[in-house]
Protein backbone atom coordinates (compact mmCIF):
# COMPACT_ATOMS: atom_id res chain seq x y z
CA MET A 1 -14.82 11.05 -9.99
CA GLY A 2 -11.43 12.24 -10.73
CA ARG A 3 -12.16 13.59 -14.16
CA ARG A 4 -14.97 15.95 -15.14
CA ASN A 5 -16.60 15.78 -18.53
CA ARG A 6 -15.32 12.39 -19.20
CA PHE A 7 -17.30 9.76 -21.22
CA ALA A 8 -19.63 8.16 -18.78
CA ALA A 9 -19.62 4.75 -20.29
CA ASP A 10 -16.70 2.27 -20.96
CA ARG A 11 -18.21 1.13 -24.11
CA ALA A 12 -15.94 1.24 -27.25
CA THR A 13 -17.50 2.16 -30.53
CA PRO A 14 -16.05 1.87 -34.08
CA LEU A 15 -16.12 5.82 -34.28
CA ILE A 16 -13.81 5.95 -31.11
CA PHE A 17 -11.35 3.60 -32.48
CA LEU A 18 -11.34 5.53 -35.91
CA LEU A 19 -10.65 8.72 -34.06
CA LEU A 20 -7.76 7.14 -32.08
CA ALA A 21 -6.25 5.66 -35.22
CA ALA A 22 -6.56 9.06 -36.90
CA CYS A 23 -4.68 10.69 -34.08
CA ALA A 24 -2.00 7.91 -34.25
CA GLY A 25 -1.49 8.51 -37.90
CA ALA A 26 -1.91 12.35 -37.97
CA GLY A 27 1.74 13.14 -38.36
CA PRO A 28 4.18 14.72 -35.97
CA ARG A 29 2.73 16.70 -33.04
CA PRO A 30 4.26 19.02 -30.57
CA PRO A 31 5.69 16.82 -27.85
CA ILE A 32 5.03 17.37 -24.28
CA ASP A 33 8.46 17.60 -22.68
CA PRO A 34 8.83 14.87 -20.07
CA GLY A 35 11.49 17.09 -18.40
CA ARG A 36 12.61 15.62 -15.03
CA ALA A 37 10.12 12.73 -15.09
CA GLN A 38 11.33 9.30 -14.75
CA PRO A 39 10.29 6.86 -17.68
CA LEU A 40 8.14 3.81 -17.13
CA GLY A 41 9.42 1.85 -20.12
CA ASP A 42 11.92 2.48 -22.72
CA PRO A 43 12.52 6.26 -23.37
CA ALA A 44 13.29 5.28 -26.89
CA ALA A 45 9.73 3.60 -27.40
CA PRO A 46 7.79 4.71 -30.30
CA ILE A 47 4.65 5.47 -28.34
CA VAL A 48 5.06 8.16 -25.63
CA VAL A 49 2.32 8.63 -23.14
CA VAL A 50 2.23 11.41 -20.67
CA VAL A 51 -0.46 11.29 -17.89
CA PHE A 52 -1.44 14.09 -15.55
CA SER A 53 -2.45 12.40 -12.37
CA ASP A 54 -3.39 12.62 -8.65
CA PHE A 55 -2.36 10.20 -6.10
CA GLN A 56 -5.69 10.30 -4.24
CA CYS A 57 -7.75 9.81 -7.31
CA SER A 58 -9.32 6.34 -7.52
CA HIS A 59 -9.57 6.59 -11.38
CA CYS A 60 -5.77 7.46 -11.45
CA LYS A 61 -4.95 4.31 -9.36
CA ARG A 62 -6.80 2.16 -11.79
CA ALA A 63 -4.96 3.87 -14.70
CA ALA A 64 -1.62 3.42 -12.89
CA GLU A 65 -2.34 -0.32 -12.70
CA ALA A 66 -3.04 -0.52 -16.33
CA MET A 67 0.02 1.50 -17.26
CA HIS A 68 2.29 -0.97 -15.29
CA ARG A 69 0.67 -3.88 -17.18
CA LEU A 70 1.29 -2.35 -20.55
CA ALA A 71 4.85 -1.24 -19.61
CA GLN A 72 5.46 -4.81 -18.63
CA GLU A 73 3.80 -6.43 -21.65
CA HIS A 74 5.52 -3.98 -24.19
CA PRO A 75 8.76 -2.88 -22.69
CA GLU A 76 10.13 -1.61 -25.96
CA GLY A 77 6.83 -0.38 -27.55
CA ILE A 78 5.58 2.16 -25.02
CA VAL A 79 6.84 4.57 -22.45
CA PHE A 80 4.86 6.48 -19.81
CA TYR A 81 5.61 9.67 -18.04
CA PHE A 82 3.90 11.10 -14.96
CA LYS A 83 3.04 14.72 -14.43
CA HIS A 84 1.51 16.04 -11.10
CA PHE A 85 -1.90 17.45 -11.13
CA PRO A 86 -2.97 17.56 -7.43
CA LEU A 87 -6.63 18.34 -7.24
CA PRO A 88 -7.76 20.77 -4.54
CA TYR A 89 -10.46 18.73 -2.85
CA TYR A 90 -8.32 15.90 -1.89
CA ARG A 91 -6.46 16.69 1.48
CA TRP A 92 -3.19 14.99 0.90
CA SER A 93 -2.68 15.24 -2.89
CA GLY A 94 -0.24 18.05 -2.62
CA ARG A 95 1.89 16.37 0.02
CA ALA A 96 1.91 12.97 -1.93
CA ALA A 97 3.21 14.68 -5.05
CA LEU A 98 5.98 16.30 -2.83
CA ALA A 99 6.67 12.82 -1.61
CA ALA A 100 7.04 11.28 -5.10
CA GLU A 101 9.30 14.21 -6.23
CA ALA A 102 11.53 13.64 -3.14
CA ALA A 103 11.65 10.00 -3.97
CA ARG A 104 12.59 10.91 -7.58
CA LEU A 105 15.67 12.74 -6.40
CA GLN A 106 16.91 9.38 -5.04
CA GLY A 107 15.94 7.54 -8.29
CA ALA A 108 12.89 5.89 -6.81
CA PHE A 109 9.91 7.89 -8.24
CA TRP A 110 7.98 4.77 -9.48
CA GLU A 111 8.59 2.82 -6.17
CA MET A 112 7.05 5.80 -4.32
CA HIS A 113 4.38 6.19 -6.95
CA ASP A 114 3.17 2.61 -6.28
CA LEU A 115 3.29 2.94 -2.54
CA LEU A 116 1.39 6.13 -2.57
CA PHE A 117 -1.49 4.56 -4.76
CA ALA A 118 -1.32 1.43 -2.55
CA HIS A 119 -1.85 3.43 0.46
CA ALA A 120 -3.95 6.30 -0.80
CA GLY A 121 -6.63 5.80 1.83
CA GLU A 122 -4.15 5.93 4.78
CA LEU A 123 -2.30 9.11 3.79
CA SER A 124 -1.63 11.29 6.80
CA ALA A 125 0.86 13.73 8.28
CA ASP A 126 2.74 10.74 9.76
CA ILE A 127 3.03 8.28 6.88
CA TRP A 128 5.64 9.82 4.64
CA ALA A 129 8.73 8.66 6.50
CA GLU A 130 7.31 5.15 6.62
CA LEU A 131 6.74 5.17 2.99
CA ALA A 132 10.32 6.44 2.29
CA ARG A 133 11.64 3.54 4.42
CA ARG A 134 9.60 1.01 2.45
CA ALA A 135 10.93 2.38 -0.83
CA GLY A 136 14.64 2.01 0.52
CA LEU A 137 15.32 5.68 0.62
CA ASP A 138 17.63 7.76 2.77
CA VAL A 139 14.77 9.06 5.10
CA GLU A 140 16.58 12.18 6.32
CA ARG A 141 17.39 13.31 2.80
CA PHE A 142 13.82 12.45 1.68
CA GLU A 143 12.26 14.61 4.57
CA ARG A 144 14.68 17.63 3.58
CA ASP A 145 13.84 17.24 -0.18
CA MET A 146 10.17 17.05 0.61
CA ALA A 147 10.29 20.33 2.52
CA ALA A 148 12.44 22.01 -0.05
CA PRO A 149 11.07 24.89 -2.01
CA THR A 150 12.58 23.58 -5.18
CA THR A 151 10.50 20.38 -4.75
CA GLU A 152 7.34 22.29 -4.37
CA ALA A 153 8.30 24.38 -7.48
CA ASP A 154 8.60 21.19 -9.53
CA VAL A 155 5.10 20.11 -8.60
CA LEU A 156 3.57 23.50 -9.26
CA GLU A 157 5.45 23.47 -12.62
CA ASP A 158 3.58 20.28 -13.62
CA LEU A 159 0.27 21.78 -12.53
CA ALA A 160 0.74 25.13 -14.46
CA GLU A 161 1.74 23.06 -17.43
CA GLY A 162 -1.44 20.94 -17.18
CA GLU A 163 -3.68 24.03 -16.76
CA ALA A 164 -1.98 25.52 -19.69
CA LEU A 165 -2.79 22.31 -21.79
CA GLY A 166 -6.47 22.51 -20.60
CA VAL A 167 -6.23 19.85 -18.08
CA ASP A 168 -9.25 19.93 -15.77
CA GLY A 169 -9.30 16.47 -14.02
CA THR A 170 -7.45 13.30 -13.57
CA PRO A 171 -6.24 11.27 -15.12
CA THR A 172 -5.59 13.08 -18.38
CA PHE A 173 -3.58 11.29 -20.96
CA PHE A 174 -1.54 12.75 -23.91
CA VAL A 175 -0.53 10.12 -26.54
CA ASP A 176 2.25 11.31 -28.72
CA GLY A 177 1.42 14.85 -27.81
CA VAL A 178 -2.41 14.47 -28.42
CA ARG A 179 -4.87 14.79 -25.63
CA THR A 180 -7.06 11.68 -25.50
CA ASP A 181 -10.34 12.00 -23.85
CA VAL A 182 -11.85 8.48 -24.25
CA SER A 183 -12.51 6.14 -21.37
CA ARG A 184 -9.50 4.51 -19.71
CA PRO A 185 -10.33 0.95 -20.75
CA VAL A 186 -10.71 1.97 -24.57
CA LEU A 187 -7.44 4.07 -24.39
CA MET A 188 -5.47 1.12 -22.80
CA ASN A 189 -6.86 -1.40 -25.43
CA HIS A 190 -5.90 0.94 -28.23
CA LEU A 191 -2.26 1.45 -26.73
CA ALA A 192 -1.88 -2.42 -26.45
CA ARG A 193 -3.05 -2.81 -30.08
CA ARG A 194 -0.56 -0.17 -31.23
CA ALA A 195 2.27 -1.63 -29.22
CA LYS A 196 1.74 -4.81 -30.77
CA GLY A 197 1.98 -3.28 -34.20
CA GLY A 198 -1.76 -3.34 -34.85
CA ASP A 199 -3.75 -0.48 -36.23
């Protein structure tokens, strides 16, 4: 599993929904600065979700699919931002994060994000240039940026931020600045209800 100490069951209870609703109406919270992250959705959307994620984590892949669905269904209601949290026990997580950041520098973070998750089981030392070509990137620039110390520093900045916020596994979601440790299906259902204007 990608996340430790997560709720084992994907069963919603009235108490969980009450807690989520309380967080939604608890007033202003200190935001997590999206910084350099490219938005998935309208940056002016009223619901802001930041996810700390790992490209080799199967739970993160399913979360990413759900995020895309919500962003498509509620383009003005919710915005997602991605933060890197590569886990040490996945061999290619760190390199994948570098690839995503190198793609971001060409305005193609989410294109690379989707390719990395789609090919998570095939990641290797030889795949990065091919993924860059599929994303329509300038491959030479991509390879330079992927190897640049500044790109590594950006990934490490996300990792340090996550650790400071108590992130200990992936995916970890913050909704309007509030960490939300319910199961992914419960969270996504709640976000869809909020984006529709429900409670």
